[in-house]
Amino acid sequence: MAERISCAQAGRYGYSWLSVTELADFNYEQTFTNQRREPPEDVTYREFLGDRYFVHLAVLNALSADNDVRVLFCFQG
């Protein structure tokens, strides 16, 4: 993680990660209000993320026999 942060470009911040187990254990049937729609509408995380997300999650889960796969992310301002 420290190596990734040291290579960071200007404007990137808030580096963190989630394990594949954390991603797999999330309740994707929860709803939230999608403010990007006009009018805003309630959707599940599963609907919002779409099928491709879950295909990729299954691949990551197959790689994570010892829960040692993590997804690194950051925000850009």
Protein backbone atom coordinates (compact mmCIF):
# COMPACT_ATOMS: atom_id res chain seq x y z
CA MET A 1 0.00 0.00 0.00
CA ALA A 2 2.76 2.43 0.92
CA GLU A 3 4.43 1.79 -2.43
CA ARG A 4 1.21 2.62 -4.28
CA ILE A 5 0.76 5.81 -2.30
CA SER A 6 4.34 6.89 -3.03
CA CYS A 7 3.54 6.61 -6.77
CA ALA A 8 0.36 8.66 -6.40
CA GLN A 9 -0.44 11.44 -8.78
CA ALA A 10 -1.41 14.89 -7.61
CA GLY A 11 -5.03 15.17 -6.55
CA ARG A 12 -5.41 11.55 -5.49
CA TYR A 13 -6.21 10.91 -1.85
CA GLY A 14 -8.05 8.65 0.56
CA TYR A 15 -6.25 5.42 -0.32
CA SER A 16 -7.85 2.33 1.15
CA TRP A 17 -8.74 -1.28 0.35
CA LEU A 18 -11.38 -3.92 0.79
CA SER A 19 -10.76 -7.64 0.94
CA VAL A 20 -12.60 -9.90 -1.47
CA THR A 21 -14.30 -11.45 1.55
CA GLU A 22 -15.65 -8.04 2.58
CA LEU A 23 -16.93 -7.44 -0.94
CA ALA A 24 -18.52 -10.90 -1.13
CA ASP A 25 -20.17 -10.54 2.30
CA PHE A 26 -21.81 -7.19 1.48
CA ASN A 27 -25.62 -7.23 1.22
CA TYR A 28 -26.15 -6.14 -2.39
CA GLU A 29 -29.94 -6.30 -1.94
CA GLN A 30 -29.85 -3.11 0.16
CA THR A 31 -31.36 -0.10 -1.57
CA PHE A 32 -30.22 3.46 -1.92
CA THR A 33 -31.50 6.50 -3.79
CA ASN A 34 -29.68 6.90 -7.10
CA GLN A 35 -29.32 10.67 -7.40
CA ARG A 36 -27.87 10.36 -10.92
CA ARG A 37 -31.35 9.58 -12.27
CA GLU A 38 -33.99 12.15 -13.06
CA PRO A 39 -36.12 11.77 -11.08
CA PRO A 40 -33.99 10.06 -8.40
CA GLU A 41 -35.01 6.45 -7.83
CA ASP A 42 -34.42 3.72 -5.26
CA VAL A 43 -32.33 0.82 -6.59
CA THR A 44 -30.45 -2.11 -5.09
CA TYR A 45 -26.69 -2.14 -5.15
CA ARG A 46 -26.98 -5.29 -7.31
CA GLU A 47 -29.05 -3.44 -9.92
CA PHE A 48 -26.76 -0.42 -9.84
CA LEU A 49 -23.53 -2.41 -10.21
CA GLY A 50 -24.81 -4.76 -12.89
CA ASP A 51 -23.89 -8.31 -13.86
CA ARG A 52 -20.30 -7.56 -14.92
CA TYR A 53 -19.38 -6.52 -11.36
CA PHE A 54 -20.42 -9.93 -10.03
CA VAL A 55 -18.52 -11.77 -12.79
CA HIS A 56 -15.37 -9.91 -11.73
CA LEU A 57 -16.11 -10.51 -8.05
CA ALA A 58 -16.37 -14.27 -8.71
CA VAL A 59 -12.96 -14.23 -10.42
CA LEU A 60 -11.40 -12.34 -7.51
CA ASN A 61 -13.05 -14.74 -5.06
CA ALA A 62 -11.53 -17.72 -6.92
CA LEU A 63 -8.08 -16.13 -6.50
CA SER A 64 -8.62 -15.52 -2.80
CA ALA A 65 -8.31 -18.97 -1.23
CA ASP A 66 -6.58 -17.53 1.85
CA ASN A 67 -8.44 -14.19 1.90
CA ASP A 68 -5.27 -12.51 0.68
CA VAL A 69 -6.74 -10.64 -2.31
CA ARG A 70 -7.58 -7.00 -1.77
CA VAL A 71 -9.01 -4.31 -4.03
CA LEU A 72 -7.08 -1.06 -3.65
CA PHE A 73 -8.80 2.24 -4.40
CA CYS A 74 -8.45 5.99 -3.99
CA PHE A 75 -10.37 9.14 -4.76
CA GLN A 76 -9.40 11.87 -7.17
CA GLY A 77 -10.23 15.47 -6.59
